[in-house]
Amino acid sequence: MEQSRFEIIKRWAKFILPTVAGLIGGYLYYYYVGCNRGCAITGNPYTSMLWGGAIGLLLTNWKSKPKQNEEKSNEVKK
């Protein structure tokens, strides 16, 4: 089945937007809170942004419910 462009963009935006927000948040954390010497994560803007992006990506589907197969839902209704 062919999907429209809007559906494809919507599906990918659910992953990209939180990741970009995490990247921005990681940089802001580095800029305002980060240390200058010896800190593994906050001492470098790239590692801080990497961790922020990873956290943003992990939080993309924390509220969504898992989808059930149509067969299982049909069996329950019968």
PDB file of N, CA and C in Angstrom:
ATOM      1  N   MET A   1       0.840  -1.170   0.000  1.00  0.00           N
ATOM      2  CA  MET A   1       0.000   0.000   0.000  1.00  0.00           C
ATOM      3  C   MET A   1       0.893   1.244   0.000  1.00  0.00           C
ATOM      4  N   GLU A   2       0.507   2.182  -0.799  1.00  0.00           N
ATOM      5  CA  GLU A   2       1.303   3.393  -0.944  1.00  0.00           C
ATOM      6  C   GLU A   2       0.849   4.449   0.066  1.00  0.00           C
ATOM      7  N   GLN A   3       1.819   5.079   0.709  1.00  0.00           N
ATOM      8  CA  GLN A   3       1.511   6.101   1.695  1.00  0.00           C
ATOM      9  C   GLN A   3       1.684   7.482   1.079  1.00  0.00           C
ATOM     10  N   SER A   4       0.906   8.414   1.561  1.00  0.00           N
ATOM     11  CA  SER A   4       1.043   9.773   1.069  1.00  0.00           C
ATOM     12  C   SER A   4       2.279  10.421   1.694  1.00  0.00           C
ATOM     13  N   ARG A   5       2.711  11.504   1.097  1.00  0.00           N
ATOM     14  CA  ARG A   5       3.887  12.208   1.618  1.00  0.00           C
ATOM     15  C   ARG A   5       3.633  12.748   3.016  1.00  0.00           C
ATOM     16  N   PHE A   6       2.417  13.206   3.253  1.00  0.00           N
ATOM     17  CA  PHE A   6       2.081  13.752   4.559  1.00  0.00           C
ATOM     18  C   PHE A   6       2.217  12.696   5.647  1.00  0.00           C
ATOM     19  N   GLU A   7       1.783  11.476   5.376  1.00  0.00           N
ATOM     20  CA  GLU A   7       1.895  10.397   6.364  1.00  0.00           C
ATOM     21  C   GLU A   7       3.348  10.048   6.643  1.00  0.00           C
ATOM     22  N   ILE A   8       4.169  10.052   5.613  1.00  0.00           N
ATOM     23  CA  ILE A   8       5.592   9.744   5.784  1.00  0.00           C
ATOM     24  C   ILE A   8       6.275  10.833   6.600  1.00  0.00           C
ATOM     25  N   ILE A   9       5.995  12.095   6.281  1.00  0.00           N
ATOM     26  CA  ILE A   9       6.582  13.211   7.028  1.00  0.00           C
ATOM     27  C   ILE A   9       6.114  13.180   8.470  1.00  0.00           C
ATOM     28  N   LYS A  10       4.840  12.890   8.677  1.00  0.00           N
ATOM     29  CA  LYS A  10       4.300  12.836  10.035  1.00  0.00           C
ATOM     30  C   LYS A  10       4.971  11.724  10.840  1.00  0.00           C
ATOM     31  N   ARG A  11       5.182  10.572  10.223  1.00  0.00           N
ATOM     32  CA  ARG A  11       5.814   9.451  10.919  1.00  0.00           C
ATOM     33  C   ARG A  11       7.258   9.785  11.307  1.00  0.00           C
ATOM     34  N   TRP A  12       8.021  10.386  10.407  1.00  0.00           N
ATOM     35  CA  TRP A  12       9.411  10.711  10.695  1.00  0.00           C
ATOM     36  C   TRP A  12       9.542  11.907  11.621  1.00  0.00           C
ATOM     37  N   ALA A  13       8.579  12.840  11.573  1.00  0.00           N
ATOM     38  CA  ALA A  13       8.646  14.012  12.444  1.00  0.00           C
ATOM     39  C   ALA A  13       8.510  13.615  13.907  1.00  0.00           C
ATOM     40  N   LYS A  14       7.824  12.504  14.182  1.00  0.00           N
ATOM     41  CA  LYS A  14       7.687  12.031  15.563  1.00  0.00           C
ATOM     42  C   LYS A  14       9.030  11.646  16.159  1.00  0.00           C
ATOM     43  N   PHE A  15       9.989  11.293  15.330  1.00  0.00           N
ATOM     44  CA  PHE A  15      11.322  10.932  15.805  1.00  0.00           C
ATOM     45  C   PHE A  15      12.306  12.095  15.700  1.00  0.00           C
ATOM     46  N   ILE A  16      12.192  12.876  14.636  1.00  0.00           N
ATOM     47  CA  ILE A  16      13.179  13.920  14.377  1.00  0.00           C
ATOM     48  C   ILE A  16      13.008  15.119  15.313  1.00  0.00           C
ATOM     49  N   LEU A  17      11.782  15.569  15.522  1.00  0.00           N
ATOM     50  CA  LEU A  17      11.568  16.768  16.333  1.00  0.00           C
ATOM     51  C   LEU A  17      12.029  16.611  17.778  1.00  0.00           C
ATOM     52  N   PRO A  18      11.695  15.512  18.478  1.00  0.00           N
ATOM     53  CA  PRO A  18      12.221  15.367  19.841  1.00  0.00           C
ATOM     54  C   PRO A  18      13.742  15.224  19.883  1.00  0.00           C
ATOM     55  N   THR A  19      14.319  14.611  18.863  1.00  0.00           N
ATOM     56  CA  THR A  19      15.768  14.466  18.817  1.00  0.00           C
ATOM     57  C   THR A  19      16.441  15.824  18.646  1.00  0.00           C
ATOM     58  N   VAL A  20      15.904  16.657  17.767  1.00  0.00           N
ATOM     59  CA  VAL A  20      16.451  18.000  17.567  1.00  0.00           C
ATOM     60  C   VAL A  20      16.268  18.838  18.833  1.00  0.00           C
ATOM     61  N   ALA A  21      15.124  18.698  19.492  1.00  0.00           N
ATOM     62  CA  ALA A  21      14.909  19.415  20.750  1.00  0.00           C
ATOM     63  C   ALA A  21      15.924  18.953  21.800  1.00  0.00           C
ATOM     64  N   GLY A  22      16.234  17.662  21.830  1.00  0.00           N
ATOM     65  CA  GLY A  22      17.245  17.150  22.744  1.00  0.00           C
ATOM     66  C   GLY A  22      18.632  17.678  22.426  1.00  0.00           C
ATOM     67  N   LEU A  23      18.948  17.803  21.138  1.00  0.00           N
ATOM     68  CA  LEU A  23      20.237  18.369  20.739  1.00  0.00           C
ATOM     69  C   LEU A  23      20.362  19.814  21.208  1.00  0.00           C
ATOM     70  N   ILE A  24      19.301  20.574  21.003  1.00  0.00           N
ATOM     71  CA  ILE A  24      19.314  21.972  21.444  1.00  0.00           C
ATOM     72  C   ILE A  24      19.405  22.049  22.962  1.00  0.00           C
ATOM     73  N   GLY A  25      18.652  21.198  23.642  1.00  0.00           N
ATOM     74  CA  GLY A  25      18.713  21.173  25.099  1.00  0.00           C
ATOM     75  C   GLY A  25      20.089  20.780  25.612  1.00  0.00           C
ATOM     76  N   GLY A  26      20.741  19.834  24.940  1.00  0.00           N
ATOM     77  CA  GLY A  26      22.095  19.444  25.325  1.00  0.00           C
ATOM     78  C   GLY A  26      23.091  20.570  25.160  1.00  0.00           C
ATOM     79  N   TYR A  27      22.952  21.327  24.076  1.00  0.00           N
ATOM     80  CA  TYR A  27      23.857  22.463  23.895  1.00  0.00           C
ATOM     81  C   TYR A  27      23.593  23.545  24.931  1.00  0.00           C
ATOM     82  N   LEU A  28      22.322  23.813  25.206  1.00  0.00           N
ATOM     83  CA  LEU A  28      22.010  24.820  26.217  1.00  0.00           C
ATOM     84  C   LEU A  28      22.517  24.392  27.589  1.00  0.00           C
ATOM     85  N   TYR A  29      22.449  23.111  27.892  1.00  0.00           N
ATOM     86  CA  TYR A  29      22.993  22.612  29.160  1.00  0.00           C
ATOM     87  C   TYR A  29      24.502  22.819  29.205  1.00  0.00           C
ATOM     88  N   TYR A  30      25.179  22.541  28.105  1.00  0.00           N
ATOM     89  CA  TYR A  30      26.630  22.774  28.039  1.00  0.00           C
ATOM     90  C   TYR A  30      26.944  24.259  28.226  1.00  0.00           C
ATOM     91  N   TYR A  31      26.175  25.106  27.567  1.00  0.00           N
ATOM     92  CA  TYR A  31      26.472  26.541  27.583  1.00  0.00           C
ATOM     93  C   TYR A  31      26.255  27.161  28.957  1.00  0.00           C
ATOM     94  N   TYR A  32      25.156  26.801  29.614  1.00  0.00           N
ATOM     95  CA  TYR A  32      24.823  27.443  30.882  1.00  0.00           C
ATOM     96  C   TYR A  32      25.340  26.700  32.116  1.00  0.00           C
ATOM     97  N   VAL A  33      25.447  25.371  32.050  1.00  0.00           N
ATOM     98  CA  VAL A  33      25.796  24.590  33.233  1.00  0.00           C
ATOM     99  C   VAL A  33      27.159  23.926  33.101  1.00  0.00           C
ATOM    100  N   GLY A  34      27.588  23.631  31.894  1.00  0.00           N
ATOM    101  CA  GLY A  34      28.786  22.841  31.666  1.00  0.00           C
ATOM    102  C   GLY A  34      30.038  23.364  32.349  1.00  0.00           C
ATOM    103  N   CYS A  35      30.981  22.470  32.565  1.00  0.00           N
ATOM    104  CA  CYS A  35      32.229  22.849  33.234  1.00  0.00           C
ATOM    105  C   CYS A  35      33.356  22.981  32.209  1.00  0.00           C
ATOM    106  N   ASN A  36      34.454  23.576  32.618  1.00  0.00           N
ATOM    107  CA  ASN A  36      35.561  23.850  31.709  1.00  0.00           C
ATOM    108  C   ASN A  36      36.658  22.790  31.735  1.00  0.00           C
ATOM    109  N   ARG A  37      36.774  22.034  32.802  1.00  0.00           N
ATOM    110  CA  ARG A  37      37.902  21.111  32.894  1.00  0.00           C
ATOM    111  C   ARG A  37      37.477  19.742  33.422  1.00  0.00           C
ATOM    112  N   GLY A  38      37.802  18.730  32.661  1.00  0.00           N
ATOM    113  CA  GLY A  38      37.675  17.370  33.132  1.00  0.00           C
ATOM    114  C   GLY A  38      36.301  16.735  33.142  1.00  0.00           C
ATOM    115  N   CYS A  39      35.289  17.418  32.724  1.00  0.00           N
ATOM    116  CA  CYS A  39      33.944  16.814  32.727  1.00  0.00           C
ATOM    117  C   CYS A  39      33.743  16.040  31.429  1.00  0.00           C
ATOM    118  N   ALA A  40      33.314  14.798  31.550  1.00  0.00           N
ATOM    119  CA  ALA A  40      33.197  13.941  30.368  1.00  0.00           C
ATOM    120  C   ALA A  40      32.046  14.359  29.459  1.00  0.00           C
ATOM    121  N   ILE A  41      30.909  14.679  30.026  1.00  0.00           N
ATOM    122  CA  ILE A  41      29.738  14.986  29.203  1.00  0.00           C
ATOM    123  C   ILE A  41      29.584  16.482  28.999  1.00  0.00           C
ATOM    124  N   THR A  42      29.642  17.265  30.058  1.00  0.00           N
ATOM    125  CA  THR A  42      29.354  18.690  29.940  1.00  0.00           C
ATOM    126  C   THR A  42      30.565  19.533  29.584  1.00  0.00           C
ATOM    127  N   GLY A  43      31.728  18.953  29.462  1.00  0.00           N
ATOM    128  CA  GLY A  43      32.926  19.703  29.116  1.00  0.00           C
ATOM    129  C   GLY A  43      33.089  19.907  27.629  1.00  0.00           C
ATOM    130  N   ASN A  44      32.336  19.197  26.822  1.00  0.00           N
ATOM    131  CA  ASN A  44      32.442  19.269  25.377  1.00  0.00           C
ATOM    132  C   ASN A  44      31.031  19.466  24.811  1.00  0.00           C
ATOM    133  N   PRO A  45      30.818  20.449  23.930  1.00  0.00           N
ATOM    134  CA  PRO A  45      29.463  20.669  23.428  1.00  0.00           C
ATOM    135  C   PRO A  45      28.938  19.506  22.584  1.00  0.00           C
ATOM    136  N   TYR A  46      29.823  18.806  21.906  1.00  0.00           N
ATOM    137  CA  TYR A  46      29.377  17.705  21.046  1.00  0.00           C
ATOM    138  C   TYR A  46      28.859  16.521  21.857  1.00  0.00           C
ATOM    139  N   THR A  47      29.562  16.180  22.919  1.00  0.00           N
ATOM    140  CA  THR A  47      29.080  15.064  23.734  1.00  0.00           C
ATOM    141  C   THR A  47      27.809  15.445  24.489  1.00  0.00           C
ATOM    142  N   SER A  48      27.718  16.681  24.907  1.00  0.00           N
ATOM    143  CA  SER A  48      26.512  17.139  25.585  1.00  0.00           C
ATOM    144  C   SER A  48      25.322  17.100  24.632  1.00  0.00           C
ATOM    145  N   MET A  49      25.527  17.515  23.392  1.00  0.00           N
ATOM    146  CA  MET A  49      24.459  17.471  22.391  1.00  0.00           C
ATOM    147  C   MET A  49      24.109  16.036  22.024  1.00  0.00           C
ATOM    148  N   LEU A  50      25.108  15.167  21.973  1.00  0.00           N
ATOM    149  CA  LEU A  50      24.855  13.762  21.661  1.00  0.00           C
ATOM    150  C   LEU A  50      23.980  13.113  22.721  1.00  0.00           C
ATOM    151  N   TRP A  51      24.293  13.343  23.981  1.00  0.00           N
ATOM    152  CA  TRP A  51      23.481  12.785  25.061  1.00  0.00           C
ATOM    153  C   TRP A  51      22.088  13.398  25.085  1.00  0.00           C
ATOM    154  N   GLY A  52      21.979  14.689  24.835  1.00  0.00           N
ATOM    155  CA  GLY A  52      20.664  15.331  24.783  1.00  0.00           C
ATOM    156  C   GLY A  52      19.816  14.783  23.651  1.00  0.00           C
ATOM    157  N   GLY A  53      20.423  14.571  22.487  1.00  0.00           N
ATOM    158  CA  GLY A  53      19.699  13.980  21.361  1.00  0.00           C
ATOM    159  C   GLY A  53      19.267  12.554  21.631  1.00  0.00           C
ATOM    160  N   ALA A  54      20.119  11.792  22.306  1.00  0.00           N
ATOM    161  CA  ALA A  54      19.762  10.407  22.649  1.00  0.00           C
ATOM    162  C   ALA A  54      18.598  10.372  23.621  1.00  0.00           C
ATOM    163  N   ILE A  55      18.600  11.264  24.585  1.00  0.00           N
ATOM    164  CA  ILE A  55      17.485  11.310  25.536  1.00  0.00           C
ATOM    165  C   ILE A  55      16.204  11.748  24.830  1.00  0.00           C
ATOM    166  N   GLY A  56      16.307  12.717  23.929  1.00  0.00           N
ATOM    167  CA  GLY A  56      15.139  13.134  23.155  1.00  0.00           C
ATOM    168  C   GLY A  56      14.588  12.010  22.318  1.00  0.00           C
ATOM    169  N   LEU A  57      15.451  11.208  21.732  1.00  0.00           N
ATOM    170  CA  LEU A  57      15.000  10.075  20.928  1.00  0.00           C
ATOM    171  C   LEU A  57      14.364   8.995  21.794  1.00  0.00           C
ATOM    172  N   LEU A  58      14.911   8.755  22.971  1.00  0.00           N
ATOM    173  CA  LEU A  58      14.334   7.746  23.864  1.00  0.00           C
ATOM    174  C   LEU A  58      12.954   8.151  24.374  1.00  0.00           C
ATOM    175  N   LEU A  59      12.711   9.429  24.491  1.00  0.00           N
ATOM    176  CA  LEU A  59      11.430   9.896  25.010  1.00  0.00           C
ATOM    177  C   LEU A  59      10.362  10.082  23.931  1.00  0.00           C
ATOM    178  N   THR A  60      10.619   9.647  22.708  1.00  0.00           N
ATOM    179  CA  THR A  60       9.651   9.864  21.634  1.00  0.00           C
ATOM    180  C   THR A  60       8.365   9.084  21.836  1.00  0.00           C
ATOM    181  N   ASN A  61       8.438   7.847  22.265  1.00  0.00           N
ATOM    182  CA  ASN A  61       7.243   7.003  22.368  1.00  0.00           C
ATOM    183  C   ASN A  61       6.932   6.578  23.782  1.00  0.00           C
ATOM    184  N   TRP A  62       7.236   7.363  24.757  1.00  0.00           N
ATOM    185  CA  TRP A  62       7.019   6.935  26.137  1.00  0.00           C
ATOM    186  C   TRP A  62       5.552   6.948  26.519  1.00  0.00           C
ATOM    187  N   LYS A  63       4.691   7.671  25.796  1.00  0.00           N
ATOM    188  CA  LYS A  63       3.281   7.713  26.136  1.00  0.00           C
ATOM    189  C   LYS A  63       2.414   6.850  25.227  1.00  0.00           C
ATOM    190  N   SER A  64       2.947   6.379  24.135  1.00  0.00           N
ATOM    191  CA  SER A  64       2.123   5.645  23.178  1.00  0.00           C
ATOM    192  C   SER A  64       1.876   4.214  23.661  1.00  0.00           C
ATOM    193  N   LYS A  65       0.698   3.724  23.348  1.00  0.00           N
ATOM    194  CA  LYS A  65       0.332   2.357  23.700  1.00  0.00           C
ATOM    195  C   LYS A  65       0.746   1.433  22.556  1.00  0.00           C
ATOM    196  N   PRO A  66       1.147   0.213  22.858  1.00  0.00           N
ATOM    197  CA  PRO A  66       1.495  -0.707  21.780  1.00  0.00           C
ATOM    198  C   PRO A  66       0.255  -1.090  20.972  1.00  0.00           C
ATOM    199  N   LYS A  67       0.429  -1.192  19.676  1.00  0.00           N
ATOM    200  CA  LYS A  67      -0.681  -1.541  18.800  1.00  0.00           C
ATOM    201  C   LYS A  67      -0.939  -3.042  18.864  1.00  0.00           C
ATOM    202  N   GLN A  68      -2.206  -3.405  18.838  1.00  0.00           N
ATOM    203  CA  GLN A  68      -2.581  -4.812  18.841  1.00  0.00           C
ATOM    204  C   GLN A  68      -2.817  -5.258  17.404  1.00  0.00           C
ATOM    205  N   ASN A  69      -2.588  -6.516  17.174  1.00  0.00           N
ATOM    206  CA  ASN A  69      -2.877  -7.071  15.868  1.00  0.00           C
ATOM    207  C   ASN A  69      -4.381  -7.096  15.645  1.00  0.00           C
ATOM    208  N   GLU A  70      -4.793  -6.954  14.397  1.00  0.00           N
ATOM    209  CA  GLU A  70      -6.225  -6.961  14.089  1.00  0.00           C
ATOM    210  C   GLU A  70      -6.844  -8.317  14.398  1.00  0.00           C
ATOM    211  N   GLU A  71      -6.076  -9.369  14.225  1.00  0.00           N
ATOM    212  CA  GLU A  71      -6.606 -10.703  14.488  1.00  0.00           C
ATOM    213  C   GLU A  71      -6.947 -10.872  15.966  1.00  0.00           C
ATOM    214  N   LYS A  72      -6.080 -10.405  16.839  1.00  0.00           N
ATOM    215  CA  LYS A  72      -6.332 -10.530  18.268  1.00  0.00           C
ATOM    216  C   LYS A  72      -7.544  -9.712  18.681  1.00  0.00           C
ATOM    217  N   SER A  73      -7.688  -8.511  18.118  1.00  0.00           N
ATOM    218  CA  SER A  73      -8.832  -7.685  18.487  1.00  0.00           C
ATOM    219  C   SER A  73     -10.133  -8.269  17.934  1.00  0.00           C
ATOM    220  N   ASN A  74     -10.076  -8.925  16.778  1.00  0.00           N
ATOM    221  CA  ASN A  74     -11.272  -9.550  16.230  1.00  0.00           C
ATOM    222  C   ASN A  74     -11.682 -10.769  17.043  1.00  0.00           C
ATOM    223  N   GLU A  75     -10.705 -11.527  17.555  1.00  0.00           N
ATOM    224  CA  GLU A  75     -11.021 -12.696  18.362  1.00  0.00           C
ATOM    225  C   GLU A  75     -11.674 -12.304  19.680  1.00  0.00           C
ATOM    226  N   VAL A  76     -11.260 -11.197  20.232  1.00  0.00           N
ATOM    227  CA  VAL A  76     -11.820 -10.747  21.500  1.00  0.00           C
ATOM    228  C   VAL A  76     -13.263 -10.314  21.311  1.00  0.00           C
ATOM    229  N   LYS A  77     -13.601  -9.691  20.188  1.00  0.00           N
ATOM    230  CA  LYS A  77     -14.943  -9.220  19.928  1.00  0.00           C
ATOM    231  C   LYS A  77     -15.934 -10.355  19.712  1.00  0.00           C
ATOM    232  N   LYS A  78     -15.477 -11.494  19.197  1.00  0.00           N
ATOM    233  CA  LYS A  78     -16.388 -12.601  18.888  1.00  0.00           C
ATOM    234  C   LYS A  78     -16.876 -13.303  20.082  1.00  0.00           C
TER     235      LYS A  78
END
